[in-house]
Amino acid sequence: MSEQTENFIPYVRDTYSEEEMKVRSQSFYEFMDKRRTVREFSDKPVPREVIDHIIMTASTAPSGAHKQPWTFCVVSNPEVKKKIREAAEAEEEVNYNGRMSDEWLKDLEPFATNEHKPFLEIAPYLIVVFKRVFETEEEHKKKNNYYVNESVGLAGGFLLAAIHHAGLVALTHTPSPMNFLSNLLDRPANERAFLLIPVGYPADNPTVPDLTRKGKEDVIVYYD
């Protein structure tokens, strides 16, 4: 038996009939189609075990050479959340008043967003997703990670699906630049902030923009 074969194990999966696959795939699509970005959070506590589960679900995402180049920092400390909000709002103040083009600002008008981000303090948890651009071994030697952005992006998608599946809401917040998160959370030099995601229950009677997602004729191209 070759060394390569020894490193492999049988792949076991659930099997379904074609009809079951159709039902399950449609049901999951309809469930995920209800997912929305929410900006109005409740401060109601969320069990830490739930956060553990959704993050470990995110960590099942595929990654280049199975390097799993991500770190999920979970912030619940009120003082740290306050500092994150202050730093994020400082960057957003510059964004909304100079960095963003007129076209960008026009595209944001339907969402009624601005530089004020109270959800960063209200949501019980902030999950900060960091990408690990390399690993440090003995004697400070660097070891490459591969397809880091793609890998961490996939993990972020898994994370959002897991949050929705758990009955919680989230917001993908990407203040730019995000270096302040590395500084505030004292992260190592090989990590870069990728996503800042408030997670929790929605506030009472929240509202979201009335949006329409693209239909399948706009997103699917078959080559038969």
C-alpha atoms as a PDB file:
ATOM      1  CA  MET A   1       0.000   0.000   0.000  1.00  0.00           C
ATOM      2  CA  SER A   2       1.417   3.388  -0.986  1.00  0.00           C
ATOM      3  CA  GLU A   3       1.944   6.171   1.519  1.00  0.00           C
ATOM      4  CA  GLN A   4      -0.605   8.269  -0.367  1.00  0.00           C
ATOM      5  CA  THR A   5      -3.251   5.562  -0.039  1.00  0.00           C
ATOM      6  CA  GLU A   6      -2.530   5.226   3.676  1.00  0.00           C
ATOM      7  CA  ASN A   7      -3.346   8.918   4.106  1.00  0.00           C
ATOM      8  CA  PHE A   8      -6.838   8.472   2.691  1.00  0.00           C
ATOM      9  CA  ILE A   9      -9.999   7.267   4.438  1.00  0.00           C
ATOM     10  CA  PRO A  10     -13.366   6.174   3.017  1.00  0.00           C
ATOM     11  CA  TYR A  11     -15.770   8.970   2.221  1.00  0.00           C
ATOM     12  CA  VAL A  12     -19.162   8.319   3.807  1.00  0.00           C
ATOM     13  CA  ARG A  13     -22.205  10.390   2.937  1.00  0.00           C
ATOM     14  CA  ASP A  14     -25.960  10.290   3.143  1.00  0.00           C
ATOM     15  CA  THR A  15     -27.676   9.133  -0.005  1.00  0.00           C
ATOM     16  CA  TYR A  16     -31.023  10.352  -1.291  1.00  0.00           C
ATOM     17  CA  SER A  17     -33.282   9.509  -4.173  1.00  0.00           C
ATOM     18  CA  GLU A  18     -33.602  12.043  -6.986  1.00  0.00           C
ATOM     19  CA  GLU A  19     -36.962  13.120  -5.613  1.00  0.00           C
ATOM     20  CA  GLU A  20     -35.505  13.605  -2.136  1.00  0.00           C
ATOM     21  CA  MET A  21     -32.653  15.642  -3.584  1.00  0.00           C
ATOM     22  CA  LYS A  22     -35.106  17.906  -5.381  1.00  0.00           C
ATOM     23  CA  VAL A  23     -37.135  18.440  -2.206  1.00  0.00           C
ATOM     24  CA  ARG A  24     -34.088  19.017  -0.006  1.00  0.00           C
ATOM     25  CA  SER A  25     -32.396  21.388  -2.443  1.00  0.00           C
ATOM     26  CA  GLN A  26     -35.565  23.442  -2.920  1.00  0.00           C
ATOM     27  CA  SER A  27     -36.249  23.522   0.808  1.00  0.00           C
ATOM     28  CA  PHE A  28     -32.721  24.700   1.575  1.00  0.00           C
ATOM     29  CA  TYR A  29     -32.887  27.363  -1.129  1.00  0.00           C
ATOM     30  CA  GLU A  30     -36.175  28.665   0.242  1.00  0.00           C
ATOM     31  CA  PHE A  31     -34.728  28.691   3.748  1.00  0.00           C
ATOM     32  CA  MET A  32     -31.580  30.557   2.710  1.00  0.00           C
ATOM     33  CA  ASP A  33     -33.583  32.969   0.574  1.00  0.00           C
ATOM     34  CA  LYS A  34     -35.091  34.261   3.833  1.00  0.00           C
ATOM     35  CA  ARG A  35     -31.641  35.293   5.094  1.00  0.00           C
ATOM     36  CA  ARG A  36     -31.266  39.053   5.291  1.00  0.00           C
ATOM     37  CA  THR A  37     -28.671  41.461   6.529  1.00  0.00           C
ATOM     38  CA  VAL A  38     -30.043  43.089   9.679  1.00  0.00           C
ATOM     39  CA  ARG A  39     -28.774  46.311  11.259  1.00  0.00           C
ATOM     40  CA  GLU A  40     -31.146  46.403  14.232  1.00  0.00           C
ATOM     41  CA  PHE A  41     -29.954  44.028  16.949  1.00  0.00           C
ATOM     42  CA  SER A  42     -31.199  43.015  20.372  1.00  0.00           C
ATOM     43  CA  ASP A  43     -28.722  42.836  23.240  1.00  0.00           C
ATOM     44  CA  LYS A  44     -30.326  39.547  24.358  1.00  0.00           C
ATOM     45  CA  PRO A  45     -27.564  37.083  25.304  1.00  0.00           C
ATOM     46  CA  VAL A  46     -26.767  34.191  22.978  1.00  0.00           C
ATOM     47  CA  PRO A  47     -25.416  30.936  24.452  1.00  0.00           C
ATOM     48  CA  ARG A  48     -21.673  30.659  23.832  1.00  0.00           C
ATOM     49  CA  GLU A  49     -22.168  27.052  22.755  1.00  0.00           C
ATOM     50  CA  VAL A  50     -24.172  28.315  19.777  1.00  0.00           C
ATOM     51  CA  ILE A  51     -21.287  30.588  18.773  1.00  0.00           C
ATOM     52  CA  ASP A  52     -18.881  27.649  19.099  1.00  0.00           C
ATOM     53  CA  HIS A  53     -21.047  25.559  16.796  1.00  0.00           C
ATOM     54  CA  ILE A  54     -21.492  28.175  14.086  1.00  0.00           C
ATOM     55  CA  ILE A  55     -17.768  28.947  14.013  1.00  0.00           C
ATOM     56  CA  MET A  56     -16.820  25.285  13.860  1.00  0.00           C
ATOM     57  CA  THR A  57     -19.290  24.955  10.983  1.00  0.00           C
ATOM     58  CA  ALA A  58     -17.466  27.793   9.214  1.00  0.00           C
ATOM     59  CA  SER A  59     -14.223  25.963   9.821  1.00  0.00           C
ATOM     60  CA  THR A  60     -15.454  22.988   7.773  1.00  0.00           C
ATOM     61  CA  ALA A  61     -15.062  25.111   4.625  1.00  0.00           C
ATOM     62  CA  PRO A  62     -12.594  23.924   1.985  1.00  0.00           C
ATOM     63  CA  SER A  63      -9.224  25.673   1.873  1.00  0.00           C
ATOM     64  CA  GLY A  64      -6.127  25.680  -0.295  1.00  0.00           C
ATOM     65  CA  ALA A  65      -3.982  22.639   0.593  1.00  0.00           C
ATOM     66  CA  HIS A  66      -6.200  22.288   3.676  1.00  0.00           C
ATOM     67  CA  LYS A  67      -4.242  25.058   5.413  1.00  0.00           C
ATOM     68  CA  GLN A  68      -7.410  26.423   7.049  1.00  0.00           C
ATOM     69  CA  PRO A  69      -5.970  29.958   7.008  1.00  0.00           C
ATOM     70  CA  TRP A  70      -8.444  31.596   9.351  1.00  0.00           C
ATOM     71  CA  THR A  71      -8.874  32.744  12.933  1.00  0.00           C
ATOM     72  CA  PHE A  72     -12.261  33.708  14.372  1.00  0.00           C
ATOM     73  CA  CYS A  73     -12.023  36.233  17.206  1.00  0.00           C
ATOM     74  CA  VAL A  74     -15.202  36.494  19.285  1.00  0.00           C
ATOM     75  CA  VAL A  75     -15.714  39.759  21.143  1.00  0.00           C
ATOM     76  CA  SER A  76     -18.328  40.130  23.866  1.00  0.00           C
ATOM     77  CA  ASN A  77     -16.483  42.439  26.276  1.00  0.00           C
ATOM     78  CA  PRO A  78     -18.424  45.762  26.321  1.00  0.00           C
ATOM     79  CA  GLU A  79     -15.300  47.909  26.596  1.00  0.00           C
ATOM     80  CA  VAL A  80     -13.645  46.209  23.637  1.00  0.00           C
ATOM     81  CA  LYS A  81     -16.842  46.475  21.584  1.00  0.00           C
ATOM     82  CA  LYS A  82     -16.975  50.191  22.405  1.00  0.00           C
ATOM     83  CA  LYS A  83     -13.397  50.676  21.199  1.00  0.00           C
ATOM     84  CA  ILE A  84     -14.156  48.743  18.002  1.00  0.00           C
ATOM     85  CA  ARG A  85     -17.211  50.900  17.351  1.00  0.00           C
ATOM     86  CA  GLU A  86     -15.273  54.120  17.908  1.00  0.00           C
ATOM     87  CA  ALA A  87     -12.465  53.046  15.579  1.00  0.00           C
ATOM     88  CA  ALA A  88     -14.865  51.735  12.921  1.00  0.00           C
ATOM     89  CA  GLU A  89     -16.943  54.922  12.976  1.00  0.00           C
ATOM     90  CA  ALA A  90     -13.791  57.031  12.634  1.00  0.00           C
ATOM     91  CA  GLU A  91     -12.891  55.153   9.430  1.00  0.00           C
ATOM     92  CA  GLU A  92     -16.464  55.290   8.160  1.00  0.00           C
ATOM     93  CA  GLU A  93     -16.618  59.036   8.773  1.00  0.00           C
ATOM     94  CA  VAL A  94     -13.744  59.423   6.322  1.00  0.00           C
ATOM     95  CA  ASN A  95     -15.310  56.936   3.896  1.00  0.00           C
ATOM     96  CA  TYR A  96     -18.671  58.689   3.724  1.00  0.00           C
ATOM     97  CA  ASN A  97     -17.079  62.121   3.483  1.00  0.00           C
ATOM     98  CA  GLY A  98     -14.317  61.663   0.946  1.00  0.00           C
ATOM     99  CA  ARG A  99     -13.115  58.141   0.234  1.00  0.00           C
ATOM    100  CA  MET A 100     -16.317  56.889  -1.390  1.00  0.00           C
ATOM    101  CA  SER A 101     -17.170  58.052  -4.889  1.00  0.00           C
ATOM    102  CA  ASP A 102     -20.468  59.780  -5.649  1.00  0.00           C
ATOM    103  CA  GLU A 103     -21.565  56.648  -7.534  1.00  0.00           C
ATOM    104  CA  TRP A 104     -20.832  54.452  -4.525  1.00  0.00           C
ATOM    105  CA  LEU A 105     -22.755  56.744  -2.198  1.00  0.00           C
ATOM    106  CA  LYS A 106     -25.665  56.770  -4.644  1.00  0.00           C
ATOM    107  CA  ASP A 107     -25.709  52.954  -4.697  1.00  0.00           C
ATOM    108  CA  LEU A 108     -25.856  52.924  -0.880  1.00  0.00           C
ATOM    109  CA  GLU A 109     -28.860  55.252  -0.640  1.00  0.00           C
ATOM    110  CA  PRO A 110     -31.492  52.442  -0.683  1.00  0.00           C
ATOM    111  CA  PHE A 111     -29.889  50.999   2.450  1.00  0.00           C
ATOM    112  CA  ALA A 112     -29.951  54.278   4.411  1.00  0.00           C
ATOM    113  CA  THR A 113     -26.500  53.562   5.827  1.00  0.00           C
ATOM    114  CA  ASN A 114     -24.123  56.119   7.314  1.00  0.00           C
ATOM    115  CA  GLU A 115     -21.030  56.307   9.498  1.00  0.00           C
ATOM    116  CA  HIS A 116     -22.942  55.552  12.698  1.00  0.00           C
ATOM    117  CA  LYS A 117     -22.672  51.871  13.718  1.00  0.00           C
ATOM    118  CA  PRO A 118     -24.505  51.348  17.053  1.00  0.00           C
ATOM    119  CA  PHE A 119     -24.939  47.633  16.316  1.00  0.00           C
ATOM    120  CA  LEU A 120     -21.242  47.152  17.061  1.00  0.00           C
ATOM    121  CA  GLU A 121     -22.030  47.735  20.734  1.00  0.00           C
ATOM    122  CA  ILE A 122     -25.581  46.372  20.893  1.00  0.00           C
ATOM    123  CA  ALA A 123     -25.062  42.921  19.346  1.00  0.00           C
ATOM    124  CA  PRO A 124     -23.974  40.440  22.044  1.00  0.00           C
ATOM    125  CA  TYR A 125     -21.118  39.135  19.915  1.00  0.00           C
ATOM    126  CA  LEU A 126     -18.795  40.488  17.270  1.00  0.00           C
ATOM    127  CA  ILE A 127     -17.063  37.802  15.230  1.00  0.00           C
ATOM    128  CA  VAL A 128     -13.933  39.174  13.610  1.00  0.00           C
ATOM    129  CA  VAL A 129     -12.696  36.885  10.851  1.00  0.00           C
ATOM    130  CA  PHE A 130      -8.961  37.119  10.259  1.00  0.00           C
ATOM    131  CA  LYS A 131      -7.126  35.643   7.302  1.00  0.00           C
ATOM    132  CA  ARG A 132      -3.770  34.060   8.041  1.00  0.00           C
ATOM    133  CA  VAL A 133      -1.558  35.125   5.143  1.00  0.00           C
ATOM    134  CA  PHE A 134       1.284  32.854   6.267  1.00  0.00           C
ATOM    135  CA  GLU A 135       2.306  30.657   9.183  1.00  0.00           C
ATOM    136  CA  THR A 136       5.368  31.145  11.361  1.00  0.00           C
ATOM    137  CA  GLU A 137       7.428  28.096  12.222  1.00  0.00           C
ATOM    138  CA  GLU A 138      10.534  27.621  14.325  1.00  0.00           C
ATOM    139  CA  GLU A 139      13.231  30.292  14.011  1.00  0.00           C
ATOM    140  CA  HIS A 140      10.546  32.624  12.625  1.00  0.00           C
ATOM    141  CA  LYS A 141      10.557  30.976   9.230  1.00  0.00           C
ATOM    142  CA  LYS A 142       7.472  31.728   7.118  1.00  0.00           C
ATOM    143  CA  LYS A 143       5.390  28.936   5.624  1.00  0.00           C
ATOM    144  CA  ASN A 144       2.987  29.749   2.829  1.00  0.00           C
ATOM    145  CA  ASN A 145      -0.782  29.472   2.896  1.00  0.00           C
ATOM    146  CA  TYR A 146      -2.536  29.165  -0.442  1.00  0.00           C
ATOM    147  CA  TYR A 147      -5.625  30.818  -1.952  1.00  0.00           C
ATOM    148  CA  VAL A 148      -6.110  32.633   1.328  1.00  0.00           C
ATOM    149  CA  ASN A 149      -8.779  35.122   0.216  1.00  0.00           C
ATOM    150  CA  GLU A 150     -10.785  32.427  -1.543  1.00  0.00           C
ATOM    151  CA  SER A 151     -10.530  30.057   1.420  1.00  0.00           C
ATOM    152  CA  VAL A 152     -11.513  32.641   4.030  1.00  0.00           C
ATOM    153  CA  GLY A 153     -14.305  33.924   1.785  1.00  0.00           C
ATOM    154  CA  LEU A 154     -15.750  30.403   1.639  1.00  0.00           C
ATOM    155  CA  ALA A 155     -15.507  30.103   5.426  1.00  0.00           C
ATOM    156  CA  GLY A 156     -17.323  33.430   5.752  1.00  0.00           C
ATOM    157  CA  GLY A 157     -20.153  32.112   3.587  1.00  0.00           C
ATOM    158  CA  PHE A 158     -20.410  28.968   5.689  1.00  0.00           C
ATOM    159  CA  LEU A 159     -20.461  31.174   8.804  1.00  0.00           C
ATOM    160  CA  LEU A 160     -23.369  33.285   7.557  1.00  0.00           C
ATOM    161  CA  ALA A 161     -25.346  30.172   6.613  1.00  0.00           C
ATOM    162  CA  ALA A 162     -24.711  28.663  10.066  1.00  0.00           C
ATOM    163  CA  ILE A 163     -25.807  31.887  11.779  1.00  0.00           C
ATOM    164  CA  HIS A 164     -29.048  31.895   9.791  1.00  0.00           C
ATOM    165  CA  HIS A 165     -29.593  28.194  10.463  1.00  0.00           C
ATOM    166  CA  ALA A 166     -29.239  28.838  14.216  1.00  0.00           C
ATOM    167  CA  GLY A 167     -32.034  31.433  14.114  1.00  0.00           C
ATOM    168  CA  LEU A 168     -29.767  34.444  14.579  1.00  0.00           C
ATOM    169  CA  VAL A 169     -29.031  37.443  12.374  1.00  0.00           C
ATOM    170  CA  ALA A 170     -25.787  38.974  11.177  1.00  0.00           C
ATOM    171  CA  LEU A 171     -24.308  41.900   9.309  1.00  0.00           C
ATOM    172  CA  THR A 172     -21.171  41.662   7.180  1.00  0.00           C
ATOM    173  CA  HIS A 173     -19.392  44.874   8.117  1.00  0.00           C
ATOM    174  CA  THR A 174     -16.203  45.773   6.262  1.00  0.00           C
ATOM    175  CA  PRO A 175     -14.911  49.166   7.376  1.00  0.00           C
ATOM    176  CA  SER A 176     -11.900  49.993   5.250  1.00  0.00           C
ATOM    177  CA  PRO A 177      -9.124  49.970   6.218  1.00  0.00           C
ATOM    178  CA  MET A 178      -9.504  47.441   9.038  1.00  0.00           C
ATOM    179  CA  ASN A 179      -6.007  47.546  10.533  1.00  0.00           C
ATOM    180  CA  PHE A 180      -7.464  48.884  13.769  1.00  0.00           C
ATOM    181  CA  LEU A 181      -8.951  45.449  14.489  1.00  0.00           C
ATOM    182  CA  SER A 182      -5.538  43.804  14.469  1.00  0.00           C
ATOM    183  CA  ASN A 183      -4.270  46.468  16.843  1.00  0.00           C
ATOM    184  CA  LEU A 184      -7.232  46.437  19.232  1.00  0.00           C
ATOM    185  CA  LEU A 185      -7.279  42.630  19.447  1.00  0.00           C
ATOM    186  CA  ASP A 186      -3.485  42.328  19.514  1.00  0.00           C
ATOM    187  CA  ARG A 187      -3.370  39.842  16.663  1.00  0.00           C
ATOM    188  CA  PRO A 188      -0.071  38.474  15.318  1.00  0.00           C
ATOM    189  CA  ALA A 189       1.660  39.881  12.237  1.00  0.00           C
ATOM    190  CA  ASN A 190       0.530  37.011   9.998  1.00  0.00           C
ATOM    191  CA  GLU A 191      -3.172  37.848  10.427  1.00  0.00           C
ATOM    192  CA  ARG A 192      -5.228  40.452   8.555  1.00  0.00           C
ATOM    193  CA  ALA A 193      -8.812  41.434   9.374  1.00  0.00           C
ATOM    194  CA  PHE A 194     -11.191  40.142   6.699  1.00  0.00           C
ATOM    195  CA  LEU A 195     -14.744  40.523   8.049  1.00  0.00           C
ATOM    196  CA  LEU A 196     -16.380  42.095  11.100  1.00  0.00           C
ATOM    197  CA  ILE A 197     -19.695  40.358  11.782  1.00  0.00           C
ATOM    198  CA  PRO A 198     -22.094  41.378  14.576  1.00  0.00           C
ATOM    199  CA  VAL A 199     -24.198  38.364  15.596  1.00  0.00           C
ATOM    200  CA  GLY A 200     -27.302  38.117  17.750  1.00  0.00           C
ATOM    201  CA  TYR A 201     -31.074  38.192  17.843  1.00  0.00           C
ATOM    202  CA  PRO A 202     -32.904  40.846  15.837  1.00  0.00           C
ATOM    203  CA  ALA A 203     -34.404  43.790  17.693  1.00  0.00           C
ATOM    204  CA  ASP A 204     -38.163  43.886  18.168  1.00  0.00           C
ATOM    205  CA  ASN A 205     -39.907  44.663  14.878  1.00  0.00           C
ATOM    206  CA  PRO A 206     -36.780  45.321  12.786  1.00  0.00           C
ATOM    207  CA  THR A 207     -37.013  46.492   9.192  1.00  0.00           C
ATOM    208  CA  VAL A 208     -34.828  45.673   6.192  1.00  0.00           C
ATOM    209  CA  PRO A 209     -34.674  47.175   2.687  1.00  0.00           C
ATOM    210  CA  ASP A 210     -37.235  45.834   0.223  1.00  0.00           C
ATOM    211  CA  LEU A 211     -34.864  44.079  -2.145  1.00  0.00           C
ATOM    212  CA  THR A 212     -35.242  41.605  -4.992  1.00  0.00           C
ATOM    213  CA  ARG A 213     -32.585  38.995  -5.647  1.00  0.00           C
ATOM    214  CA  LYS A 214     -31.557  38.085  -9.179  1.00  0.00           C
ATOM    215  CA  GLY A 215     -33.505  35.226 -10.732  1.00  0.00           C
ATOM    216  CA  LYS A 216     -31.923  32.057 -12.033  1.00  0.00           C
ATOM    217  CA  GLU A 217     -31.966  33.334 -15.607  1.00  0.00           C
ATOM    218  CA  ASP A 218     -29.590  36.097 -14.457  1.00  0.00           C
ATOM    219  CA  VAL A 219     -27.147  33.975 -12.460  1.00  0.00           C
ATOM    220  CA  ILE A 220     -27.056  30.547 -14.129  1.00  0.00           C
ATOM    221  CA  VAL A 221     -25.554  29.747 -17.525  1.00  0.00           C
ATOM    222  CA  TYR A 222     -25.764  26.105 -18.647  1.00  0.00           C
ATOM    223  CA  TYR A 223     -23.535  24.692 -21.382  1.00  0.00           C
ATOM    224  CA  ASP A 224     -25.291  21.495 -22.504  1.00  0.00           C
END
